[in-house]
Amino acid sequence: MAITLMIGSFVAILNQTLMISALPTLMHEFDVPSSTVQWLTTGFMLTNGIMIPITAFLIETFTTRQLFLYAMGISAE
């Protein structure tokens, strides 16, 4: 369990780091100022903040198998 939590924490930090390093490229490619691109960071953090309690609710409500099958069904469409 501890290893799973450590891997999840690492991936979350890695995602944030990768997005921040991509900001200059996004600014150049889309020709937008830094204030506009910084909204991506805000949106990313808000999405993470919203998804954490939703995920906790789903894990308590449904079985792992149900969640897996539903996720596979969504991504198959």
N, C-alpha and C. Protein backbone atom coordinates (compact mmCIF):
# COMPACT_ATOMS: atom_id res chain seq x y z
N MET A 1 0.82 -1.19 0.00
CA MET A 1 0.00 0.00 0.00
C MET A 1 0.86 1.25 0.00
N ALA A 2 1.91 1.24 0.82
CA ALA A 2 2.79 2.42 0.89
C ALA A 2 3.50 2.65 -0.43
N ILE A 3 3.89 1.58 -1.10
CA ILE A 3 4.56 1.72 -2.40
C ILE A 3 3.61 2.33 -3.42
N THR A 4 2.36 1.90 -3.42
CA THR A 4 1.37 2.46 -4.34
C THR A 4 1.18 3.95 -4.08
N LEU A 5 1.09 4.34 -2.82
CA LEU A 5 0.94 5.76 -2.50
C LEU A 5 2.16 6.57 -2.92
N MET A 6 3.35 6.00 -2.73
CA MET A 6 4.57 6.69 -3.13
C MET A 6 4.64 6.86 -4.64
N ILE A 7 4.26 5.84 -5.37
CA ILE A 7 4.25 5.94 -6.84
C ILE A 7 3.23 6.98 -7.29
N GLY A 8 2.05 6.99 -6.69
CA GLY A 8 1.04 7.98 -7.03
C GLY A 8 1.50 9.40 -6.76
N SER A 9 2.15 9.61 -5.64
CA SER A 9 2.68 10.93 -5.31
C SER A 9 3.75 11.35 -6.30
N PHE A 10 4.62 10.42 -6.64
CA PHE A 10 5.68 10.72 -7.60
C PHE A 10 5.09 11.11 -8.95
N VAL A 11 4.10 10.38 -9.42
CA VAL A 11 3.49 10.68 -10.72
C VAL A 11 2.80 12.04 -10.70
N ALA A 12 2.14 12.39 -9.61
CA ALA A 12 1.49 13.69 -9.51
C ALA A 12 2.51 14.82 -9.58
N ILE A 13 3.62 14.68 -8.87
CA ILE A 13 4.66 15.70 -8.92
C ILE A 13 5.29 15.75 -10.31
N LEU A 14 5.50 14.58 -10.91
CA LEU A 14 6.07 14.53 -12.25
C LEU A 14 5.17 15.21 -13.27
N ASN A 15 3.87 15.00 -13.18
CA ASN A 15 2.93 15.66 -14.09
C ASN A 15 3.03 17.18 -13.99
N GLN A 16 3.07 17.68 -12.77
CA GLN A 16 3.17 19.13 -12.56
C GLN A 16 4.48 19.65 -13.13
N THR A 17 5.58 18.95 -12.90
CA THR A 17 6.88 19.38 -13.39
C THR A 17 6.93 19.38 -14.92
N LEU A 18 6.37 18.34 -15.53
CA LEU A 18 6.36 18.28 -16.99
C LEU A 18 5.53 19.40 -17.59
N MET A 19 4.41 19.72 -16.97
CA MET A 19 3.59 20.79 -17.50
C MET A 19 4.29 22.14 -17.39
N ILE A 20 4.95 22.38 -16.26
CA ILE A 20 5.65 23.65 -16.08
C ILE A 20 6.78 23.80 -17.09
N SER A 21 7.48 22.71 -17.37
CA SER A 21 8.58 22.80 -18.34
C SER A 21 8.06 22.99 -19.77
N ALA A 22 6.80 22.67 -20.03
CA ALA A 22 6.23 22.84 -21.36
C ALA A 22 5.66 24.24 -21.58
N LEU A 23 5.54 25.04 -20.53
CA LEU A 23 4.94 26.37 -20.68
C LEU A 23 5.66 27.26 -21.69
N PRO A 24 6.99 27.37 -21.70
CA PRO A 24 7.63 28.22 -22.72
C PRO A 24 7.35 27.76 -24.15
N THR A 25 7.31 26.45 -24.36
CA THR A 25 7.00 25.93 -25.70
C THR A 25 5.57 26.29 -26.09
N LEU A 26 4.65 26.16 -25.16
CA LEU A 26 3.25 26.52 -25.44
C LEU A 26 3.12 28.00 -25.75
N MET A 27 3.85 28.83 -25.01
CA MET A 27 3.82 30.28 -25.27
C MET A 27 4.30 30.58 -26.68
N HIS A 28 5.36 29.91 -27.09
CA HIS A 28 5.93 30.15 -28.42
C HIS A 28 5.00 29.62 -29.52
N GLU A 29 4.53 28.38 -29.36
CA GLU A 29 3.72 27.75 -30.40
C GLU A 29 2.38 28.45 -30.62
N PHE A 30 1.74 28.88 -29.53
CA PHE A 30 0.42 29.50 -29.66
C PHE A 30 0.48 31.02 -29.65
N ASP A 31 1.69 31.57 -29.51
CA ASP A 31 1.90 33.01 -29.53
C ASP A 31 0.99 33.73 -28.53
N VAL A 32 1.07 33.29 -27.28
CA VAL A 32 0.28 33.89 -26.20
C VAL A 32 1.23 34.34 -25.08
N PRO A 33 0.80 35.32 -24.29
CA PRO A 33 1.66 35.79 -23.19
C PRO A 33 1.69 34.80 -22.02
N SER A 34 2.63 34.99 -21.13
CA SER A 34 2.79 34.06 -20.00
C SER A 34 1.58 34.07 -19.08
N SER A 35 0.90 35.21 -18.95
CA SER A 35 -0.26 35.26 -18.07
C SER A 35 -1.37 34.34 -18.57
N THR A 36 -1.50 34.20 -19.87
CA THR A 36 -2.51 33.31 -20.44
C THR A 36 -2.13 31.85 -20.23
N VAL A 37 -0.87 31.52 -20.44
CA VAL A 37 -0.43 30.14 -20.31
C VAL A 37 -0.44 29.70 -18.84
N GLN A 38 -0.26 30.63 -17.91
CA GLN A 38 -0.27 30.26 -16.50
C GLN A 38 -1.64 29.77 -16.06
N TRP A 39 -2.69 30.10 -16.80
CA TRP A 39 -4.01 29.58 -16.49
C TRP A 39 -4.05 28.07 -16.64
N LEU A 40 -3.16 27.52 -17.49
CA LEU A 40 -3.09 26.06 -17.60
C LEU A 40 -2.70 25.43 -16.28
N THR A 41 -1.75 26.04 -15.59
CA THR A 41 -1.33 25.53 -14.29
C THR A 41 -2.49 25.61 -13.29
N THR A 42 -3.19 26.71 -13.30
CA THR A 42 -4.33 26.87 -12.40
C THR A 42 -5.41 25.83 -12.70
N GLY A 43 -5.72 25.65 -13.97
CA GLY A 43 -6.73 24.66 -14.35
C GLY A 43 -6.31 23.24 -14.00
N PHE A 44 -5.02 22.94 -14.17
CA PHE A 44 -4.50 21.62 -13.82
C PHE A 44 -4.65 21.37 -12.33
N MET A 45 -4.29 22.35 -11.51
CA MET A 45 -4.39 22.19 -10.06
C MET A 45 -5.85 22.09 -9.62
N LEU A 46 -6.73 22.88 -10.21
CA LEU A 46 -8.15 22.80 -9.87
C LEU A 46 -8.73 21.43 -10.23
N THR A 47 -8.35 20.93 -11.39
CA THR A 47 -8.82 19.61 -11.82
C THR A 47 -8.34 18.53 -10.86
N ASN A 48 -7.07 18.60 -10.46
CA ASN A 48 -6.55 17.64 -9.47
C ASN A 48 -7.31 17.75 -8.16
N GLY A 49 -7.55 18.97 -7.72
CA GLY A 49 -8.25 19.19 -6.45
C GLY A 49 -9.68 18.68 -6.48
N ILE A 50 -10.31 18.72 -7.63
CA ILE A 50 -11.69 18.23 -7.76
C ILE A 50 -11.71 16.71 -7.89
N MET A 51 -10.75 16.15 -8.62
CA MET A 51 -10.76 14.72 -8.88
C MET A 51 -10.38 13.88 -7.67
N ILE A 52 -9.60 14.41 -6.74
CA ILE A 52 -9.20 13.62 -5.57
C ILE A 52 -10.41 13.21 -4.73
N PRO A 53 -11.31 14.13 -4.33
CA PRO A 53 -12.47 13.67 -3.56
C PRO A 53 -13.45 12.83 -4.39
N ILE A 54 -13.55 13.12 -5.68
CA ILE A 54 -14.44 12.32 -6.53
C ILE A 54 -13.92 10.88 -6.60
N THR A 55 -12.60 10.73 -6.75
CA THR A 55 -12.01 9.39 -6.80
C THR A 55 -12.24 8.65 -5.49
N ALA A 56 -12.08 9.34 -4.37
CA ALA A 56 -12.31 8.70 -3.07
C ALA A 56 -13.77 8.23 -2.96
N PHE A 57 -14.69 9.06 -3.42
CA PHE A 57 -16.11 8.67 -3.39
C PHE A 57 -16.36 7.44 -4.26
N LEU A 58 -15.80 7.44 -5.47
CA LEU A 58 -16.01 6.32 -6.38
C LEU A 58 -15.43 5.02 -5.83
N ILE A 59 -14.25 5.12 -5.21
CA ILE A 59 -13.62 3.92 -4.65
C ILE A 59 -14.45 3.34 -3.51
N GLU A 60 -15.07 4.20 -2.70
CA GLU A 60 -15.91 3.72 -1.60
C GLU A 60 -17.26 3.20 -2.10
N THR A 61 -17.74 3.71 -3.21
CA THR A 61 -19.06 3.36 -3.70
C THR A 61 -19.06 2.10 -4.57
N PHE A 62 -18.08 1.96 -5.45
CA PHE A 62 -18.05 0.86 -6.41
C PHE A 62 -16.87 -0.06 -6.13
N THR A 63 -16.97 -1.28 -6.67
CA THR A 63 -15.86 -2.21 -6.55
C THR A 63 -14.78 -1.85 -7.57
N THR A 64 -13.61 -2.39 -7.36
CA THR A 64 -12.50 -2.13 -8.29
C THR A 64 -12.84 -2.66 -9.68
N ARG A 65 -13.48 -3.79 -9.73
CA ARG A 65 -13.85 -4.36 -11.04
C ARG A 65 -14.84 -3.47 -11.78
N GLN A 66 -15.84 -2.95 -11.07
CA GLN A 66 -16.82 -2.07 -11.71
C GLN A 66 -16.14 -0.81 -12.24
N LEU A 67 -15.26 -0.22 -11.44
CA LEU A 67 -14.56 0.99 -11.88
C LEU A 67 -13.68 0.71 -13.09
N PHE A 68 -12.99 -0.42 -13.08
CA PHE A 68 -12.13 -0.78 -14.20
C PHE A 68 -12.94 -0.97 -15.47
N LEU A 69 -14.03 -1.72 -15.39
CA LEU A 69 -14.85 -1.96 -16.58
C LEU A 69 -15.48 -0.67 -17.10
N TYR A 70 -15.91 0.20 -16.20
CA TYR A 70 -16.49 1.46 -16.63
C TYR A 70 -15.43 2.34 -17.31
N ALA A 71 -14.23 2.40 -16.74
CA ALA A 71 -13.15 3.19 -17.33
C ALA A 71 -12.77 2.65 -18.71
N MET A 72 -12.73 1.33 -18.83
CA MET A 72 -12.40 0.74 -20.14
C MET A 72 -13.51 1.01 -21.14
N GLY A 73 -14.75 1.00 -20.68
CA GLY A 73 -15.86 1.29 -21.57
C GLY A 73 -15.85 2.73 -22.07
N ILE A 74 -15.48 3.65 -21.19
CA ILE A 74 -15.40 5.06 -21.59
C ILE A 74 -14.29 5.28 -22.61
N SER A 75 -13.13 4.68 -22.35
CA SER A 75 -12.00 4.92 -23.25
C SER A 75 -12.11 4.13 -24.55
N ALA A 76 -12.99 3.14 -24.61
CA ALA A 76 -13.17 2.38 -25.84
C ALA A 76 -14.05 3.12 -26.85
N GLU A 77 -14.80 4.09 -26.38
CA GLU A 77 -15.72 4.80 -27.29
C GLU A 77 -15.00 5.70 -28.23
